[in-house]
């Protein structure tokens, strides 16, 4: 499993920050990227409010994983088992991603 933590911000800032954090963590932990094969992406969300649309939340980390080169294509994500909005966290909004090879 790969655990990657992201802070949620507005979309453009989100992608910029997410890509930076994903690439830095891949380098720090020596992940071989891009990850080959199909994966499950579990995303645990801690947004600032309940106004967030779950499906839109789910697509953001998938897109960021592709933009960061962690996955060749977000179509490798074949399931999102375990993904959920965990709770609201106005002080520390974030997304925790666990990637498991299928």
N, C-alpha and C. Protein backbone atom coordinates (compact mmCIF):
# COMPACT_ATOMS: atom_id res chain seq x y z
N UNK A 1 0.83 -1.19 0.00
CA UNK A 1 0.00 0.00 0.00
C UNK A 1 0.87 1.25 0.00
N UNK A 2 0.40 2.24 -0.68
CA UNK A 2 1.06 3.54 -0.71
C UNK A 2 0.12 4.52 -0.02
N UNK A 3 0.59 5.25 0.96
CA UNK A 3 -0.23 6.24 1.65
C UNK A 3 0.29 7.62 1.25
N UNK A 4 -0.60 8.41 0.71
CA UNK A 4 -0.22 9.74 0.24
C UNK A 4 -1.21 10.73 0.83
N UNK A 5 -0.70 11.77 1.47
CA UNK A 5 -1.56 12.76 2.10
C UNK A 5 -1.59 14.03 1.27
N UNK A 6 -2.78 14.55 1.08
CA UNK A 6 -2.96 15.77 0.30
C UNK A 6 -3.81 16.76 1.06
N UNK A 7 -3.51 18.02 0.92
CA UNK A 7 -4.37 19.06 1.46
C UNK A 7 -5.35 19.48 0.38
N UNK A 8 -6.61 19.65 0.73
CA UNK A 8 -7.61 20.06 -0.24
C UNK A 8 -7.67 21.59 -0.27
N UNK A 9 -7.53 22.16 -1.44
CA UNK A 9 -7.68 23.60 -1.64
C UNK A 9 -8.54 23.79 -2.88
N UNK A 10 -8.64 25.00 -3.36
CA UNK A 10 -9.37 25.21 -4.61
C UNK A 10 -8.71 24.37 -5.70
N UNK A 11 -9.47 24.05 -6.75
CA UNK A 11 -9.05 23.03 -7.71
C UNK A 11 -7.67 23.26 -8.32
N UNK A 12 -7.38 24.43 -8.85
CA UNK A 12 -6.07 24.67 -9.47
C UNK A 12 -4.95 24.53 -8.44
N UNK A 13 -5.15 25.12 -7.27
CA UNK A 13 -4.16 25.01 -6.21
C UNK A 13 -4.06 23.57 -5.74
N UNK A 14 -5.22 22.89 -5.69
CA UNK A 14 -5.25 21.49 -5.28
C UNK A 14 -4.34 20.65 -6.17
N UNK A 15 -4.52 20.78 -7.50
CA UNK A 15 -3.71 19.97 -8.41
C UNK A 15 -2.24 20.31 -8.30
N UNK A 16 -1.90 21.58 -8.22
CA UNK A 16 -0.50 21.98 -8.11
C UNK A 16 0.12 21.38 -6.84
N UNK A 17 -0.56 21.56 -5.72
CA UNK A 17 -0.05 21.04 -4.45
C UNK A 17 -0.04 19.51 -4.45
N UNK A 18 -1.10 18.91 -4.95
CA UNK A 18 -1.20 17.44 -4.97
C UNK A 18 -0.08 16.84 -5.79
N UNK A 19 0.17 17.38 -6.98
CA UNK A 19 1.22 16.84 -7.84
C UNK A 19 2.58 16.98 -7.16
N UNK A 20 2.84 18.14 -6.56
CA UNK A 20 4.11 18.35 -5.85
C UNK A 20 4.28 17.34 -4.72
N UNK A 21 3.22 17.15 -3.92
CA UNK A 21 3.30 16.24 -2.78
C UNK A 21 3.43 14.78 -3.24
N UNK A 22 2.69 14.40 -4.26
CA UNK A 22 2.76 13.03 -4.76
C UNK A 22 4.15 12.72 -5.31
N UNK A 23 4.70 13.63 -6.10
CA UNK A 23 6.03 13.40 -6.66
C UNK A 23 7.10 13.38 -5.57
N UNK A 24 7.00 14.27 -4.60
CA UNK A 24 7.97 14.29 -3.50
C UNK A 24 7.92 13.01 -2.68
N UNK A 25 6.71 12.53 -2.40
CA UNK A 25 6.59 11.30 -1.62
C UNK A 25 7.07 10.09 -2.41
N UNK A 26 6.79 10.07 -3.71
CA UNK A 26 7.27 8.96 -4.54
C UNK A 26 8.80 8.91 -4.50
N UNK A 27 9.42 10.07 -4.59
CA UNK A 27 10.89 10.15 -4.56
C UNK A 27 11.41 9.78 -3.16
N UNK A 28 10.80 10.35 -2.13
CA UNK A 28 11.24 10.11 -0.75
C UNK A 28 11.20 8.63 -0.38
N UNK A 29 10.12 7.95 -0.78
CA UNK A 29 9.94 6.56 -0.39
C UNK A 29 10.43 5.56 -1.44
N UNK A 30 10.99 6.08 -2.53
CA UNK A 30 11.55 5.21 -3.56
C UNK A 30 10.53 4.40 -4.33
N UNK A 31 9.31 4.93 -4.48
CA UNK A 31 8.30 4.21 -5.25
C UNK A 31 8.74 4.11 -6.71
N UNK A 32 8.49 2.98 -7.32
CA UNK A 32 8.72 2.82 -8.74
C UNK A 32 7.48 3.34 -9.44
N UNK A 33 7.68 4.44 -10.17
CA UNK A 33 6.54 5.03 -10.87
C UNK A 33 6.85 5.13 -12.35
N UNK A 34 5.85 5.09 -13.19
CA UNK A 34 4.45 4.95 -12.83
C UNK A 34 4.14 3.53 -12.35
N UNK A 35 3.15 3.43 -11.49
CA UNK A 35 2.68 2.14 -11.01
C UNK A 35 2.05 1.42 -12.20
N UNK A 36 2.43 0.17 -12.39
CA UNK A 36 1.91 -0.64 -13.49
C UNK A 36 0.71 -1.44 -13.03
N UNK A 37 -0.24 -1.64 -13.90
CA UNK A 37 -1.37 -2.52 -13.63
C UNK A 37 -2.55 -1.79 -13.02
N UNK A 38 -3.60 -2.56 -12.80
CA UNK A 38 -4.84 -2.03 -12.25
C UNK A 38 -4.71 -1.85 -10.75
N UNK A 39 -5.39 -0.83 -10.24
CA UNK A 39 -5.29 -0.52 -8.81
C UNK A 39 -6.66 -0.22 -8.21
N UNK A 40 -6.71 -0.36 -6.89
CA UNK A 40 -7.81 0.18 -6.09
C UNK A 40 -7.29 1.47 -5.48
N UNK A 41 -8.07 2.53 -5.57
CA UNK A 41 -7.72 3.79 -4.93
C UNK A 41 -8.72 4.05 -3.81
N UNK A 42 -8.25 3.94 -2.59
CA UNK A 42 -9.07 4.30 -1.43
C UNK A 42 -8.73 5.75 -1.10
N UNK A 43 -9.72 6.61 -1.12
CA UNK A 43 -9.50 8.02 -0.80
C UNK A 43 -10.35 8.38 0.42
N UNK A 44 -9.68 8.87 1.44
CA UNK A 44 -10.34 9.28 2.67
C UNK A 44 -10.31 10.80 2.72
N UNK A 45 -11.49 11.39 2.68
CA UNK A 45 -11.61 12.84 2.56
C UNK A 45 -11.95 13.49 3.90
N UNK A 46 -11.31 14.61 4.16
CA UNK A 46 -11.57 15.45 5.33
C UNK A 46 -11.75 16.87 4.80
N UNK A 47 -12.90 17.15 4.14
CA UNK A 47 -13.11 18.47 3.54
C UNK A 47 -13.50 19.53 4.59
N UNK A 48 -13.58 20.76 4.13
CA UNK A 48 -13.92 21.86 5.03
C UNK A 48 -15.42 21.97 5.29
N UNK A 49 -16.24 21.34 4.43
CA UNK A 49 -17.69 21.40 4.65
C UNK A 49 -18.36 20.20 3.99
N UNK A 50 -19.62 20.01 4.31
CA UNK A 50 -20.41 18.93 3.72
C UNK A 50 -20.93 19.30 2.34
N UNK A 51 -20.64 20.50 1.86
CA UNK A 51 -21.14 20.94 0.55
C UNK A 51 -20.44 20.24 -0.61
N UNK A 52 -19.36 19.52 -0.33
CA UNK A 52 -18.60 18.87 -1.39
C UNK A 52 -19.38 17.70 -2.00
N UNK A 53 -19.30 17.59 -3.32
CA UNK A 53 -19.91 16.50 -4.05
C UNK A 53 -18.96 15.31 -4.02
N UNK A 54 -19.41 14.18 -3.50
CA UNK A 54 -18.54 13.02 -3.31
C UNK A 54 -17.88 12.57 -4.61
N UNK A 55 -18.64 12.49 -5.70
CA UNK A 55 -18.06 12.02 -6.95
C UNK A 55 -17.01 12.98 -7.49
N UNK A 56 -17.23 14.27 -7.31
CA UNK A 56 -16.20 15.24 -7.72
C UNK A 56 -14.96 15.10 -6.83
N UNK A 57 -15.17 14.89 -5.54
CA UNK A 57 -14.04 14.66 -4.65
C UNK A 57 -13.24 13.44 -5.09
N UNK A 58 -13.92 12.40 -5.50
CA UNK A 58 -13.26 11.15 -5.88
C UNK A 58 -12.43 11.31 -7.15
N UNK A 59 -12.87 12.14 -8.07
CA UNK A 59 -12.14 12.29 -9.33
C UNK A 59 -10.87 13.13 -9.16
N UNK A 60 -10.84 14.03 -8.20
CA UNK A 60 -9.67 14.92 -8.04
C UNK A 60 -8.39 14.16 -7.72
N UNK A 61 -8.35 13.26 -6.73
CA UNK A 61 -7.09 12.54 -6.49
C UNK A 61 -6.73 11.61 -7.64
N UNK A 62 -7.73 11.06 -8.33
CA UNK A 62 -7.44 10.19 -9.48
C UNK A 62 -6.72 11.01 -10.56
N UNK A 63 -7.23 12.18 -10.86
CA UNK A 63 -6.58 13.06 -11.84
C UNK A 63 -5.19 13.47 -11.38
N UNK A 64 -5.03 13.76 -10.10
CA UNK A 64 -3.73 14.18 -9.56
C UNK A 64 -2.71 13.04 -9.65
N UNK A 65 -3.14 11.81 -9.42
CA UNK A 65 -2.23 10.67 -9.53
C UNK A 65 -1.69 10.54 -10.95
N UNK A 66 -2.54 10.81 -11.94
CA UNK A 66 -2.10 10.76 -13.33
C UNK A 66 -1.19 11.95 -13.65
N UNK A 67 -1.59 13.14 -13.26
CA UNK A 67 -0.79 14.34 -13.53
C UNK A 67 0.61 14.25 -12.90
N UNK A 68 0.69 13.60 -11.75
CA UNK A 68 1.97 13.47 -11.04
C UNK A 68 2.83 12.34 -11.60
N UNK A 69 2.27 11.53 -12.50
CA UNK A 69 3.02 10.42 -13.06
C UNK A 69 3.05 9.19 -12.17
N UNK A 70 2.24 9.19 -11.13
CA UNK A 70 2.17 8.02 -10.24
C UNK A 70 1.48 6.87 -10.99
N UNK A 71 0.44 7.20 -11.72
CA UNK A 71 -0.24 6.26 -12.61
C UNK A 71 -0.06 6.75 -14.04
N UNK A 72 0.05 5.82 -14.99
CA UNK A 72 0.11 6.24 -16.40
C UNK A 72 -1.20 6.88 -16.82
N UNK A 73 -2.28 6.30 -16.33
CA UNK A 73 -3.60 6.78 -16.69
C UNK A 73 -4.55 6.48 -15.55
N UNK A 74 -5.43 7.42 -15.25
CA UNK A 74 -6.36 7.17 -14.14
C UNK A 74 -7.36 6.06 -14.46
N UNK A 75 -7.37 5.59 -15.70
CA UNK A 75 -8.20 4.43 -16.05
C UNK A 75 -7.68 3.15 -15.40
N UNK A 76 -6.47 3.19 -14.84
CA UNK A 76 -5.94 2.03 -14.11
C UNK A 76 -6.72 1.82 -12.82
N UNK A 77 -7.41 2.84 -12.35
CA UNK A 77 -8.21 2.72 -11.12
C UNK A 77 -9.48 1.96 -11.46
N UNK A 78 -9.55 0.74 -10.99
CA UNK A 78 -10.68 -0.13 -11.29
C UNK A 78 -11.69 -0.19 -10.16
N UNK A 79 -11.29 0.28 -8.98
CA UNK A 79 -12.22 0.33 -7.86
C UNK A 79 -11.78 1.42 -6.91
N UNK A 80 -12.73 1.82 -6.08
CA UNK A 80 -12.44 2.83 -5.06
C UNK A 80 -12.97 2.35 -3.71
N UNK A 81 -12.81 1.04 -3.48
CA UNK A 81 -13.28 0.44 -2.24
C UNK A 81 -12.68 1.14 -1.02
N UNK A 82 -13.51 1.46 -0.06
CA UNK A 82 -13.06 2.09 1.17
C UNK A 82 -13.08 3.61 1.14
N UNK A 83 -13.31 4.19 -0.03
CA UNK A 83 -13.33 5.65 -0.13
C UNK A 83 -14.56 6.21 0.56
N UNK A 84 -14.36 7.36 1.23
CA UNK A 84 -15.49 7.98 1.91
C UNK A 84 -15.10 9.36 2.42
N UNK A 85 -16.12 10.14 2.73
CA UNK A 85 -15.90 11.40 3.45
C UNK A 85 -15.89 11.00 4.92
N UNK A 86 -14.73 11.12 5.55
CA UNK A 86 -14.56 10.67 6.93
C UNK A 86 -15.20 11.65 7.89
N UNK A 87 -14.81 12.90 7.77
CA UNK A 87 -15.38 13.94 8.62
C UNK A 87 -14.97 15.31 8.07
N UNK A 88 -15.60 16.32 8.60
CA UNK A 88 -15.28 17.70 8.24
C UNK A 88 -14.10 18.14 9.11
N UNK A 89 -13.14 18.81 8.48
CA UNK A 89 -11.99 19.33 9.22
C UNK A 89 -11.64 20.70 8.65
N UNK A 90 -12.21 21.73 9.24
CA UNK A 90 -11.99 23.09 8.75
C UNK A 90 -10.56 23.56 8.97
N UNK A 91 -9.87 23.03 9.97
CA UNK A 91 -8.52 23.46 10.27
C UNK A 91 -7.44 22.72 9.48
N UNK A 92 -7.72 21.48 9.08
CA UNK A 92 -6.73 20.69 8.38
C UNK A 92 -7.40 19.83 7.30
N UNK A 93 -8.00 20.47 6.28
CA UNK A 93 -8.63 19.68 5.22
C UNK A 93 -7.56 18.88 4.47
N UNK A 94 -7.90 17.64 4.12
CA UNK A 94 -6.92 16.78 3.48
C UNK A 94 -7.60 15.60 2.81
N UNK A 95 -6.82 14.91 2.00
CA UNK A 95 -7.23 13.66 1.39
C UNK A 95 -6.10 12.66 1.62
N UNK A 96 -6.42 11.49 2.11
CA UNK A 96 -5.44 10.43 2.29
C UNK A 96 -5.76 9.37 1.24
N UNK A 97 -4.76 9.01 0.46
CA UNK A 97 -4.94 8.05 -0.62
C UNK A 97 -4.15 6.79 -0.33
N UNK A 98 -4.81 5.65 -0.43
CA UNK A 98 -4.15 4.35 -0.34
C UNK A 98 -4.33 3.66 -1.69
N UNK A 99 -3.23 3.28 -2.31
CA UNK A 99 -3.27 2.60 -3.60
C UNK A 99 -2.85 1.16 -3.39
N UNK A 100 -3.67 0.24 -3.88
CA UNK A 100 -3.38 -1.19 -3.78
C UNK A 100 -3.46 -1.80 -5.18
N UNK A 101 -2.45 -2.57 -5.54
CA UNK A 101 -2.49 -3.29 -6.81
C UNK A 101 -3.57 -4.35 -6.76
N UNK A 102 -4.26 -4.51 -7.86
CA UNK A 102 -5.30 -5.56 -7.94
C UNK A 102 -4.74 -6.79 -8.63
